[in-house]
Protein backbone atom coordinates (compact mmCIF):
# COMPACT_ATOMS: atom_id res chain seq x y z
CA UNK A 1 0.00 0.00 0.00
CA UNK A 2 1.21 3.47 -0.84
CA UNK A 3 1.92 5.57 2.27
CA UNK A 4 1.18 8.79 0.34
CA UNK A 5 -2.40 7.67 -0.41
CA UNK A 6 -4.59 9.17 2.34
CA UNK A 7 -7.57 6.88 1.50
CA UNK A 8 -7.74 3.59 3.37
CA UNK A 9 -10.27 0.79 2.97
CA UNK A 10 -11.80 1.64 6.29
CA UNK A 11 -12.22 5.28 5.32
CA UNK A 12 -13.64 4.36 1.90
CA UNK A 13 -16.12 1.96 3.52
CA UNK A 14 -17.15 4.61 6.00
CA UNK A 15 -17.66 7.21 3.25
CA UNK A 16 -19.72 4.83 1.08
CA UNK A 17 -21.82 3.81 4.09
CA UNK A 18 -22.35 7.45 5.05
CA UNK A 19 -23.41 8.35 1.53
CA UNK A 20 -25.79 5.41 1.40
CA UNK A 21 -27.29 6.43 4.74
CA UNK A 22 -27.71 10.05 3.62
CA UNK A 23 -29.34 8.88 0.38
CA UNK A 24 -31.72 6.68 2.38
CA UNK A 25 -32.62 9.59 4.67
CA UNK A 26 -33.23 11.81 1.63
CA UNK A 27 -35.49 9.19 0.03
CA UNK A 28 -37.50 8.81 3.26
CA UNK A 29 -37.88 12.59 3.63
CA UNK A 30 -39.05 13.01 0.03
CA UNK A 31 -41.40 10.03 0.44
CA UNK A 32 -42.95 11.59 3.55
CA UNK A 33 -43.31 14.98 1.87
CA UNK A 34 -45.25 13.38 -0.99
CA UNK A 35 -47.34 11.31 1.44
CA UNK A 36 -48.27 14.47 3.33
CA UNK A 37 -49.11 16.24 0.08
CA UNK A 38 -51.34 13.33 -1.03
CA UNK A 39 -53.07 13.40 2.33
CA UNK A 40 -53.78 17.13 2.04
CA UNK A 41 -55.13 16.65 -1.48
CA UNK A 42 -57.37 13.85 -0.23
CA UNK A 43 -58.77 16.10 2.50
CA UNK A 44 -59.39 18.88 -0.02
CA UNK A 45 -61.16 16.43 -2.35
CA UNK A 46 -63.34 15.15 0.49
CA UNK A 47 -64.28 18.71 1.45
CA UNK A 48 -65.23 19.41 -2.17
CA UNK A 49 -67.39 16.27 -2.23
CA UNK A 50 -69.02 17.31 1.04
CA UNK A 51 -69.81 20.77 -0.36
CA UNK A 52 -71.19 19.17 -3.51
CA UNK A 53 -73.36 16.81 -1.45
CA UNK A 54 -74.70 19.72 0.61
CA UNK A 55 -75.48 21.71 -2.53
CA UNK A 56 -77.18 18.67 -4.02
CA UNK A 57 -79.28 18.17 -0.88
CA UNK A 58 -80.30 21.84 -0.92
CA UNK A 59 -81.26 21.60 -4.60
CA UNK A 60 -83.24 18.44 -3.85
CA UNK A 61 -85.10 20.23 -1.06
CA UNK A 62 -85.90 23.19 -3.33
CA UNK A 63 -87.15 20.80 -6.02
CA UNK A 64 -89.33 18.94 -3.53
CA UNK A 65 -90.81 22.22 -2.25
CA UNK A 66 -91.52 23.37 -5.79
CA UNK A 67 -93.10 20.01 -6.63
CA UNK A 68 -95.40 20.27 -3.60
CA UNK A 69 -96.39 23.80 -4.64
CA UNK A 70 -97.06 22.63 -8.20
CA UNK A 71 -99.16 19.72 -6.91
CA UNK A 72 -101.29 22.14 -4.86
CA UNK A 73 -101.78 24.40 -7.88
CA UNK A 74 -102.70 21.41 -10.05
CA UNK A 75 -105.16 20.17 -7.45
CA UNK A 76 -106.78 23.63 -7.36
CA UNK A 77 -107.02 23.63 -11.16
CA UNK A 78 -108.64 20.20 -11.12
CA UNK A 79 -111.24 21.38 -8.59
CA UNK A 80 -111.98 24.50 -10.64
CA UNK A 81 -112.22 22.48 -13.86
CA UNK A 82 -114.64 20.03 -12.22
CA UNK A 83 -116.77 22.96 -11.00
CA UNK A 84 -116.79 24.48 -14.50
CA UNK A 85 -117.82 21.11 -16.03
CA UNK A 86 -120.63 20.81 -13.49
CA UNK A 87 -121.78 24.35 -14.18
CA UNK A 88 -121.72 23.81 -17.96
CA UNK A 89 -123.73 20.59 -17.60
CA UNK A 90 -126.32 22.43 -15.49
CA UNK A 91 -126.60 25.33 -17.94
CA UNK A 92 -126.39 23.37 -21.13
PDB file of N, CA and C in Angstrom:
ATOM      1  N   UNK A   1       0.831  -1.169   0.000  1.00  0.00           N
ATOM      2  CA  UNK A   1       0.000   0.000   0.000  1.00  0.00           C
ATOM      3  C   UNK A   1       0.877   1.233   0.000  1.00  0.00           C
ATOM      4  N   UNK A   2       0.444   2.229  -0.730  1.00  0.00           N
ATOM      5  CA  UNK A   2       1.206   3.469  -0.840  1.00  0.00           C
ATOM      6  C   UNK A   2       0.970   4.319   0.389  1.00  0.00           C
ATOM      7  N   UNK A   3       2.037   4.747   1.061  1.00  0.00           N
ATOM      8  CA  UNK A   3       1.920   5.570   2.267  1.00  0.00           C
ATOM      9  C   UNK A   3       1.451   6.975   1.937  1.00  0.00           C
ATOM     10  N   UNK A   4       1.604   7.439   0.721  1.00  0.00           N
ATOM     11  CA  UNK A   4       1.183   8.791   0.343  1.00  0.00           C
ATOM     12  C   UNK A   4      -0.314   8.855   0.096  1.00  0.00           C
ATOM     13  N   UNK A   5      -0.958   7.720  -0.149  1.00  0.00           N
ATOM     14  CA  UNK A   5      -2.397   7.666  -0.411  1.00  0.00           C
ATOM     15  C   UNK A   5      -3.145   7.827   0.906  1.00  0.00           C
ATOM     16  N   UNK A   6      -3.904   8.938   1.067  1.00  0.00           N
ATOM     17  CA  UNK A   6      -4.590   9.171   2.338  1.00  0.00           C
ATOM     18  C   UNK A   6      -5.839   8.296   2.503  1.00  0.00           C
ATOM     19  N   UNK A   7      -6.346   7.666   1.451  1.00  0.00           N
ATOM     20  CA  UNK A   7      -7.569   6.877   1.505  1.00  0.00           C
ATOM     21  C   UNK A   7      -7.252   5.442   1.901  1.00  0.00           C
ATOM     22  N   UNK A   8      -7.892   4.980   2.949  1.00  0.00           N
ATOM     23  CA  UNK A   8      -7.737   3.586   3.366  1.00  0.00           C
ATOM     24  C   UNK A   8      -9.062   2.875   3.109  1.00  0.00           C
ATOM     25  N   UNK A   9      -9.045   1.547   3.182  1.00  0.00           N
ATOM     26  CA  UNK A   9     -10.273   0.791   2.975  1.00  0.00           C
ATOM     27  C   UNK A   9     -11.312   1.122   4.038  1.00  0.00           C
ATOM     28  N   UNK A  10     -10.870   1.307   5.215  1.00  0.00           N
ATOM     29  CA  UNK A  10     -11.798   1.644   6.293  1.00  0.00           C
ATOM     30  C   UNK A  10     -12.481   2.984   6.028  1.00  0.00           C
ATOM     31  N   UNK A  11     -11.678   3.955   5.602  1.00  0.00           N
ATOM     32  CA  UNK A  11     -12.217   5.277   5.318  1.00  0.00           C
ATOM     33  C   UNK A  11     -13.176   5.227   4.117  1.00  0.00           C
ATOM     34  N   UNK A  12     -12.795   4.488   3.083  1.00  0.00           N
ATOM     35  CA  UNK A  12     -13.643   4.363   1.897  1.00  0.00           C
ATOM     36  C   UNK A  12     -14.958   3.682   2.261  1.00  0.00           C
ATOM     37  N   UNK A  13     -14.907   2.648   3.080  1.00  0.00           N
ATOM     38  CA  UNK A  13     -16.117   1.959   3.516  1.00  0.00           C
ATOM     39  C   UNK A  13     -17.003   2.890   4.327  1.00  0.00           C
ATOM     40  N   UNK A  14     -16.394   3.655   5.193  1.00  0.00           N
ATOM     41  CA  UNK A  14     -17.153   4.614   6.000  1.00  0.00           C
ATOM     42  C   UNK A  14     -17.828   5.660   5.117  1.00  0.00           C
ATOM     43  N   UNK A  15     -17.092   6.184   4.141  1.00  0.00           N
ATOM     44  CA  UNK A  15     -17.664   7.206   3.248  1.00  0.00           C
ATOM     45  C   UNK A  15     -18.812   6.636   2.409  1.00  0.00           C
ATOM     46  N   UNK A  16     -18.647   5.453   1.877  1.00  0.00           N
ATOM     47  CA  UNK A  16     -19.716   4.831   1.077  1.00  0.00           C
ATOM     48  C   UNK A  16     -20.929   4.560   1.963  1.00  0.00           C
ATOM     49  N   UNK A  17     -20.708   4.047   3.159  1.00  0.00           N
ATOM     50  CA  UNK A  17     -21.815   3.808   4.087  1.00  0.00           C
ATOM     51  C   UNK A  17     -22.529   5.086   4.468  1.00  0.00           C
ATOM     52  N   UNK A  18     -21.749   6.155   4.695  1.00  0.00           N
ATOM     53  CA  UNK A  18     -22.348   7.454   5.049  1.00  0.00           C
ATOM     54  C   UNK A  18     -23.180   7.993   3.905  1.00  0.00           C
ATOM     55  N   UNK A  19     -22.663   7.886   2.690  1.00  0.00           N
ATOM     56  CA  UNK A  19     -23.413   8.355   1.526  1.00  0.00           C
ATOM     57  C   UNK A  19     -24.693   7.536   1.335  1.00  0.00           C
ATOM     58  N   UNK A  20     -24.597   6.250   1.534  1.00  0.00           N
ATOM     59  CA  UNK A  20     -25.791   5.411   1.402  1.00  0.00           C
ATOM     60  C   UNK A  20     -26.824   5.779   2.461  1.00  0.00           C
ATOM     61  N   UNK A  21     -26.384   6.030   3.671  1.00  0.00           N
ATOM     62  CA  UNK A  21     -27.293   6.431   4.740  1.00  0.00           C
ATOM     63  C   UNK A  21     -27.948   7.770   4.431  1.00  0.00           C
ATOM     64  N   UNK A  22     -27.150   8.741   3.974  1.00  0.00           N
ATOM     65  CA  UNK A  22     -27.715  10.053   3.617  1.00  0.00           C
ATOM     66  C   UNK A  22     -28.707   9.936   2.458  1.00  0.00           C
ATOM     67  N   UNK A  23     -28.408   9.080   1.492  1.00  0.00           N
ATOM     68  CA  UNK A  23     -29.339   8.877   0.378  1.00  0.00           C
ATOM     69  C   UNK A  23     -30.633   8.261   0.884  1.00  0.00           C
ATOM     70  N   UNK A  24     -30.532   7.303   1.801  1.00  0.00           N
ATOM     71  CA  UNK A  24     -31.719   6.680   2.376  1.00  0.00           C
ATOM     72  C   UNK A  24     -32.561   7.702   3.147  1.00  0.00           C
ATOM     73  N   UNK A  25     -31.908   8.542   3.924  1.00  0.00           N
ATOM     74  CA  UNK A  25     -32.620   9.588   4.671  1.00  0.00           C
ATOM     75  C   UNK A  25     -33.316  10.540   3.700  1.00  0.00           C
ATOM     76  N   UNK A  26     -32.624  10.916   2.618  1.00  0.00           N
ATOM     77  CA  UNK A  26     -33.227  11.814   1.628  1.00  0.00           C
ATOM     78  C   UNK A  26     -34.443  11.174   0.981  1.00  0.00           C
ATOM     79  N   UNK A  27     -34.352   9.894   0.649  1.00  0.00           N
ATOM     80  CA  UNK A  27     -35.490   9.186   0.035  1.00  0.00           C
ATOM     81  C   UNK A  27     -36.668   9.153   1.002  1.00  0.00           C
ATOM     82  N   UNK A  28     -36.423   8.860   2.273  1.00  0.00           N
ATOM     83  CA  UNK A  28     -37.504   8.806   3.258  1.00  0.00           C
ATOM     84  C   UNK A  28     -38.140  10.181   3.435  1.00  0.00           C
ATOM     85  N   UNK A  29     -37.335  11.234   3.478  1.00  0.00           N
ATOM     86  CA  UNK A  29     -37.876  12.588   3.632  1.00  0.00           C
ATOM     87  C   UNK A  29     -38.746  12.953   2.435  1.00  0.00           C
ATOM     88  N   UNK A  30     -38.258  12.701   1.230  1.00  0.00           N
ATOM     89  CA  UNK A  30     -39.049  13.014   0.027  1.00  0.00           C
ATOM     90  C   UNK A  30     -40.322  12.180   0.016  1.00  0.00           C
ATOM     91  N   UNK A  31     -40.235  10.914   0.378  1.00  0.00           N
ATOM     92  CA  UNK A  31     -41.401  10.032   0.435  1.00  0.00           C
ATOM     93  C   UNK A  31     -42.450  10.598   1.393  1.00  0.00           C
ATOM     94  N   UNK A  32     -42.022  11.049   2.552  1.00  0.00           N
ATOM     95  CA  UNK A  32     -42.953  11.588   3.546  1.00  0.00           C
ATOM     96  C   UNK A  32     -43.554  12.911   3.089  1.00  0.00           C
ATOM     97  N   UNK A  33     -42.776  13.716   2.401  1.00  0.00           N
ATOM     98  CA  UNK A  33     -43.313  14.979   1.866  1.00  0.00           C
ATOM     99  C   UNK A  33     -44.430  14.682   0.876  1.00  0.00           C
ATOM    100  N   UNK A  34     -44.209  13.734  -0.025  1.00  0.00           N
ATOM    101  CA  UNK A  34     -45.252  13.381  -0.994  1.00  0.00           C
ATOM    102  C   UNK A  34     -46.455  12.724  -0.318  1.00  0.00           C
ATOM    103  N   UNK A  35     -46.220  11.927   0.716  1.00  0.00           N
ATOM    104  CA  UNK A  35     -47.339  11.308   1.439  1.00  0.00           C
ATOM    105  C   UNK A  35     -48.185  12.383   2.119  1.00  0.00           C
ATOM    106  N   UNK A  36     -47.538  13.362   2.701  1.00  0.00           N
ATOM    107  CA  UNK A  36     -48.267  14.473   3.332  1.00  0.00           C
ATOM    108  C   UNK A  36     -49.044  15.263   2.288  1.00  0.00           C
ATOM    109  N   UNK A  37     -48.436  15.499   1.143  1.00  0.00           N
ATOM    110  CA  UNK A  37     -49.110  16.236   0.078  1.00  0.00           C
ATOM    111  C   UNK A  37     -50.343  15.470  -0.416  1.00  0.00           C
ATOM    112  N   UNK A  38     -50.191  14.149  -0.606  1.00  0.00           N
ATOM    113  CA  UNK A  38     -51.339  13.330  -1.028  1.00  0.00           C
ATOM    114  C   UNK A  38     -52.449  13.370   0.008  1.00  0.00           C
ATOM    115  N   UNK A  39     -52.077  13.358   1.263  1.00  0.00           N
ATOM    116  CA  UNK A  39     -53.074  13.405   2.333  1.00  0.00           C
ATOM    117  C   UNK A  39     -53.836  14.724   2.303  1.00  0.00           C
ATOM    118  N   UNK A  40     -53.128  15.818   2.114  1.00  0.00           N
ATOM    119  CA  UNK A  40     -53.783  17.132   2.037  1.00  0.00           C
ATOM    120  C   UNK A  40     -54.702  17.210   0.831  1.00  0.00           C
ATOM    121  N   UNK A  41     -54.285  16.635  -0.290  1.00  0.00           N
ATOM    122  CA  UNK A  41     -55.127  16.647  -1.482  1.00  0.00           C
ATOM    123  C   UNK A  41     -56.380  15.801  -1.255  1.00  0.00           C
ATOM    124  N   UNK A  42     -56.226  14.705  -0.535  1.00  0.00           N
ATOM    125  CA  UNK A  42     -57.371  13.853  -0.228  1.00  0.00           C
ATOM    126  C   UNK A  42     -58.371  14.593   0.647  1.00  0.00           C
ATOM    127  N   UNK A  43     -57.878  15.323   1.627  1.00  0.00           N
ATOM    128  CA  UNK A  43     -58.767  16.100   2.498  1.00  0.00           C
ATOM    129  C   UNK A  43     -59.487  17.172   1.684  1.00  0.00           C
ATOM    130  N   UNK A  44     -58.767  17.840   0.812  1.00  0.00           N
ATOM    131  CA  UNK A  44     -59.392  18.880  -0.022  1.00  0.00           C
ATOM    132  C   UNK A  44     -60.463  18.267  -0.923  1.00  0.00           C
ATOM    133  N   UNK A  45     -60.181  17.089  -1.479  1.00  0.00           N
ATOM    134  CA  UNK A  45     -61.158  16.430  -2.354  1.00  0.00           C
ATOM    135  C   UNK A  45     -62.397  16.023  -1.557  1.00  0.00           C
ATOM    136  N   UNK A  46     -62.200  15.526  -0.345  1.00  0.00           N
ATOM    137  CA  UNK A  46     -63.336  15.146   0.494  1.00  0.00           C
ATOM    138  C   UNK A  46     -64.172  16.365   0.871  1.00  0.00           C
ATOM    139  N   UNK A  47     -63.532  17.488   1.142  1.00  0.00           N
ATOM    140  CA  UNK A  47     -64.283  18.713   1.447  1.00  0.00           C
ATOM    141  C   UNK A  47     -65.080  19.178   0.230  1.00  0.00           C
ATOM    142  N   UNK A  48     -64.501  19.041  -0.949  1.00  0.00           N
ATOM    143  CA  UNK A  48     -65.226  19.412  -2.169  1.00  0.00           C
ATOM    144  C   UNK A  48     -66.431  18.499  -2.369  1.00  0.00           C
ATOM    145  N   UNK A  49     -66.265  17.193  -2.124  1.00  0.00           N
ATOM    146  CA  UNK A  49     -67.388  16.268  -2.232  1.00  0.00           C
ATOM    147  C   UNK A  49     -68.467  16.590  -1.201  1.00  0.00           C
ATOM    148  N   UNK A  50     -68.050  16.963  -0.003  1.00  0.00           N
ATOM    149  CA  UNK A  50     -69.017  17.308   1.041  1.00  0.00           C
ATOM    150  C   UNK A  50     -69.817  18.556   0.626  1.00  0.00           C
ATOM    151  N   UNK A  51     -69.121  19.559   0.101  1.00  0.00           N
ATOM    152  CA  UNK A  51     -69.806  20.767  -0.355  1.00  0.00           C
ATOM    153  C   UNK A  51     -70.760  20.444  -1.501  1.00  0.00           C
ATOM    154  N   UNK A  52     -70.333  19.570  -2.403  1.00  0.00           N
ATOM    155  CA  UNK A  52     -71.192  19.168  -3.514  1.00  0.00           C
ATOM    156  C   UNK A  52     -72.423  18.422  -3.009  1.00  0.00           C
ATOM    157  N   UNK A  53     -72.230  17.553  -2.025  1.00  0.00           N
ATOM    158  CA  UNK A  53     -73.357  16.813  -1.454  1.00  0.00           C
ATOM    159  C   UNK A  53     -74.336  17.762  -0.754  1.00  0.00           C
ATOM    160  N   UNK A  54     -73.813  18.758  -0.046  1.00  0.00           N
ATOM    161  CA  UNK A  54     -74.697  19.724   0.612  1.00  0.00           C
ATOM    162  C   UNK A  54     -75.470  20.545  -0.409  1.00  0.00           C
ATOM    163  N   UNK A  55     -74.793  20.957  -1.474  1.00  0.00           N
ATOM    164  CA  UNK A  55     -75.477  21.709  -2.530  1.00  0.00           C
ATOM    165  C   UNK A  55     -76.538  20.850  -3.199  1.00  0.00           C
ATOM    166  N   UNK A  56     -76.219  19.590  -3.409  1.00  0.00           N
ATOM    167  CA  UNK A  56     -77.181  18.674  -4.022  1.00  0.00           C
ATOM    168  C   UNK A  56     -78.397  18.477  -3.116  1.00  0.00           C
ATOM    169  N   UNK A  57     -78.161  18.335  -1.815  1.00  0.00           N
ATOM    170  CA  UNK A  57     -79.276  18.170  -0.876  1.00  0.00           C
ATOM    171  C   UNK A  57     -80.154  19.421  -0.855  1.00  0.00           C
ATOM    172  N   UNK A  58     -79.530  20.591  -0.901  1.00  0.00           N
ATOM    173  CA  UNK A  58     -80.304  21.838  -0.917  1.00  0.00           C
ATOM    174  C   UNK A  58     -81.126  21.944  -2.203  1.00  0.00           C
ATOM    175  N   UNK A  59     -80.534  21.573  -3.331  1.00  0.00           N
ATOM    176  CA  UNK A  59     -81.265  21.598  -4.603  1.00  0.00           C
ATOM    177  C   UNK A  59     -82.415  20.597  -4.568  1.00  0.00           C
ATOM    178  N   UNK A  60     -82.186  19.444  -3.976  1.00  0.00           N
ATOM    179  CA  UNK A  60     -83.238  18.438  -3.855  1.00  0.00           C
ATOM    180  C   UNK A  60     -84.389  18.977  -3.009  1.00  0.00           C
ATOM    181  N   UNK A  61     -84.064  19.655  -1.928  1.00  0.00           N
ATOM    182  CA  UNK A  61     -85.102  20.225  -1.064  1.00  0.00           C
ATOM    183  C   UNK A  61     -85.897  21.292  -1.803  1.00  0.00           C
ATOM    184  N   UNK A  62     -85.192  22.155  -2.551  1.00  0.00           N
ATOM    185  CA  UNK A  62     -85.903  23.189  -3.328  1.00  0.00           C
ATOM    186  C   UNK A  62     -86.816  22.545  -4.367  1.00  0.00           C
ATOM    187  N   UNK A  63     -86.344  21.501  -5.021  1.00  0.00           N
ATOM    188  CA  UNK A  63     -87.149  20.802  -6.025  1.00  0.00           C
ATOM    189  C   UNK A  63     -88.379  20.171  -5.381  1.00  0.00           C
ATOM    190  N   UNK A  64     -88.194  19.557  -4.220  1.00  0.00           N
ATOM    191  CA  UNK A  64     -89.328  18.940  -3.528  1.00  0.00           C
ATOM    192  C   UNK A  64     -90.352  19.994  -3.118  1.00  0.00           C
ATOM    193  N   UNK A  65     -89.884  21.133  -2.624  1.00  0.00           N
ATOM    194  CA  UNK A  65     -90.806  22.216  -2.250  1.00  0.00           C
ATOM    195  C   UNK A  65     -91.582  22.723  -3.465  1.00  0.00           C
ATOM    196  N   UNK A  66     -90.864  22.898  -4.573  1.00  0.00           N
ATOM    197  CA  UNK A  66     -91.523  23.372  -5.794  1.00  0.00           C
ATOM    198  C   UNK A  66     -92.517  22.332  -6.314  1.00  0.00           C
ATOM    199  N   UNK A  67     -92.198  21.068  -6.198  1.00  0.00           N
ATOM    200  CA  UNK A  67     -93.102  20.009  -6.630  1.00  0.00           C
ATOM    201  C   UNK A  67     -94.373  20.002  -5.777  1.00  0.00           C
ATOM    202  N   UNK A  68     -94.215  20.193  -4.464  1.00  0.00           N
ATOM    203  CA  UNK A  68     -95.404  20.274  -3.601  1.00  0.00           C
ATOM    204  C   UNK A  68     -96.271  21.474  -3.977  1.00  0.00           C
ATOM    205  N   UNK A  69     -95.632  22.613  -4.236  1.00  0.00           N
ATOM    206  CA  UNK A  69     -96.389  23.801  -4.638  1.00  0.00           C
ATOM    207  C   UNK A  69     -97.116  23.552  -5.959  1.00  0.00           C
ATOM    208  N   UNK A  70     -96.443  22.933  -6.908  1.00  0.00           N
ATOM    209  CA  UNK A  70     -97.057  22.635  -8.203  1.00  0.00           C
ATOM    210  C   UNK A  70     -98.222  21.659  -8.037  1.00  0.00           C
ATOM    211  N   UNK A  71     -98.071  20.690  -7.158  1.00  0.00           N
ATOM    212  CA  UNK A  71     -99.156  19.724  -6.912  1.00  0.00           C
ATOM    213  C   UNK A  71    -100.378  20.435  -6.328  1.00  0.00           C
ATOM    214  N   UNK A  72    -100.150  21.385  -5.417  1.00  0.00           N
ATOM    215  CA  UNK A  72    -101.285  22.138  -4.859  1.00  0.00           C
ATOM    216  C   UNK A  72    -101.981  22.962  -5.929  1.00  0.00           C
ATOM    217  N   UNK A  73    -101.190  23.605  -6.801  1.00  0.00           N
ATOM    218  CA  UNK A  73    -101.779  24.404  -7.884  1.00  0.00           C
ATOM    219  C   UNK A  73    -102.556  23.497  -8.826  1.00  0.00           C
ATOM    220  N   UNK A  74    -102.014  22.349  -9.163  1.00  0.00           N
ATOM    221  CA  UNK A  74    -102.696  21.415 -10.053  1.00  0.00           C
ATOM    222  C   UNK A  74    -103.994  20.913  -9.417  1.00  0.00           C
ATOM    223  N   UNK A  75    -103.951  20.619  -8.138  1.00  0.00           N
ATOM    224  CA  UNK A  75    -105.160  20.173  -7.448  1.00  0.00           C
ATOM    225  C   UNK A  75    -106.227  21.271  -7.488  1.00  0.00           C
ATOM    226  N   UNK A  76    -105.828  22.512  -7.287  1.00  0.00           N
ATOM    227  CA  UNK A  76    -106.776  23.634  -7.355  1.00  0.00           C
ATOM    228  C   UNK A  76    -107.365  23.751  -8.758  1.00  0.00           C
ATOM    229  N   UNK A  77    -106.519  23.574  -9.779  1.00  0.00           N
ATOM    230  CA  UNK A  77    -107.021  23.631 -11.156  1.00  0.00           C
ATOM    231  C   UNK A  77    -108.005  22.500 -11.449  1.00  0.00           C
ATOM    232  N   UNK A  78    -107.733  21.322 -10.910  1.00  0.00           N
ATOM    233  CA  UNK A  78    -108.645  20.200 -11.115  1.00  0.00           C
ATOM    234  C   UNK A  78    -110.000  20.479 -10.458  1.00  0.00           C
ATOM    235  N   UNK A  79    -109.983  21.047  -9.268  1.00  0.00           N
ATOM    236  CA  UNK A  79    -111.238  21.380  -8.586  1.00  0.00           C
ATOM    237  C   UNK A  79    -112.001  22.416  -9.392  1.00  0.00           C
ATOM    238  N   UNK A  80    -111.308  23.442  -9.855  1.00  0.00           N
ATOM    239  CA  UNK A  80    -111.978  24.497 -10.637  1.00  0.00           C
ATOM    240  C   UNK A  80    -112.536  23.940 -11.944  1.00  0.00           C
ATOM    241  N   UNK A  81    -111.757  23.067 -12.601  1.00  0.00           N
ATOM    242  CA  UNK A  81    -112.224  22.476 -13.855  1.00  0.00           C
ATOM    243  C   UNK A  81    -113.463  21.618 -13.609  1.00  0.00           C
ATOM    244  N   UNK A  82    -113.476  20.859 -12.559  1.00  0.00           N
ATOM    245  CA  UNK A  82    -114.637  20.030 -12.222  1.00  0.00           C
ATOM    246  C   UNK A  82    -115.845  20.916 -11.951  1.00  0.00           C
ATOM    247  N   UNK A  83    -115.660  22.040 -11.268  1.00  0.00           N
ATOM    248  CA  UNK A  83    -116.770  22.956 -10.998  1.00  0.00           C
ATOM    249  C   UNK A  83    -117.292  23.557 -12.303  1.00  0.00           C
ATOM    250  N   UNK A  84    -116.347  23.903 -13.214  1.00  0.00           N
ATOM    251  CA  UNK A  84    -116.790  24.477 -14.500  1.00  0.00           C
ATOM    252  C   UNK A  84    -117.560  23.431 -15.312  1.00  0.00           C
ATOM    253  N   UNK A  85    -117.103  22.172 -15.313  1.00  0.00           N
ATOM    254  CA  UNK A  85    -117.816  21.115 -16.027  1.00  0.00           C
ATOM    255  C   UNK A  85    -119.214  20.935 -15.450  1.00  0.00           C
ATOM    256  N   UNK A  86    -119.320  20.944 -14.139  1.00  0.00           N
ATOM    257  CA  UNK A  86    -120.633  20.806 -13.487  1.00  0.00           C
ATOM    258  C   UNK A  86    -121.537  21.972 -13.872  1.00  0.00           C
ATOM    259  N   UNK A  87    -120.985  23.173 -13.834  1.00  0.00           N
ATOM    260  CA  UNK A  87    -121.782  24.350 -14.183  1.00  0.00           C
ATOM    261  C   UNK A  87    -122.234  24.287 -15.650  1.00  0.00           C
ATOM    262  N   UNK A  88    -121.342  23.886 -16.548  1.00  0.00           N
ATOM    263  CA  UNK A  88    -121.722  23.809 -17.958  1.00  0.00           C
ATOM    264  C   UNK A  88    -122.774  22.720 -18.192  1.00  0.00           C
ATOM    265  N   UNK A  89    -122.719  21.622 -17.454  1.00  0.00           N
ATOM    266  CA  UNK A  89    -123.733  20.587 -17.597  1.00  0.00           C
ATOM    267  C   UNK A  89    -125.095  21.093 -17.106  1.00  0.00           C
ATOM    268  N   UNK A  90    -125.081  21.882 -16.027  1.00  0.00           N
ATOM    269  CA  UNK A  90    -126.324  22.430 -15.494  1.00  0.00           C
ATOM    270  C   UNK A  90    -126.939  23.439 -16.449  1.00  0.00           C
ATOM    271  N   UNK A  91    -126.094  24.275 -17.053  1.00  0.00           N
ATOM    272  CA  UNK A  91    -126.596  25.325 -17.945  1.00  0.00           C
ATOM    273  C   UNK A  91    -126.984  24.730 -19.298  1.00  0.00           C
ATOM    274  N   UNK A  92    -126.205  23.863 -19.785  1.00  0.00           N
ATOM    275  CA  UNK A  92    -126.386  23.367 -21.133  1.00  0.00           C
ATOM    276  C   UNK A  92    -127.237  22.192 -21.187  1.00  0.00           C
TER     277      UNK A  92
END
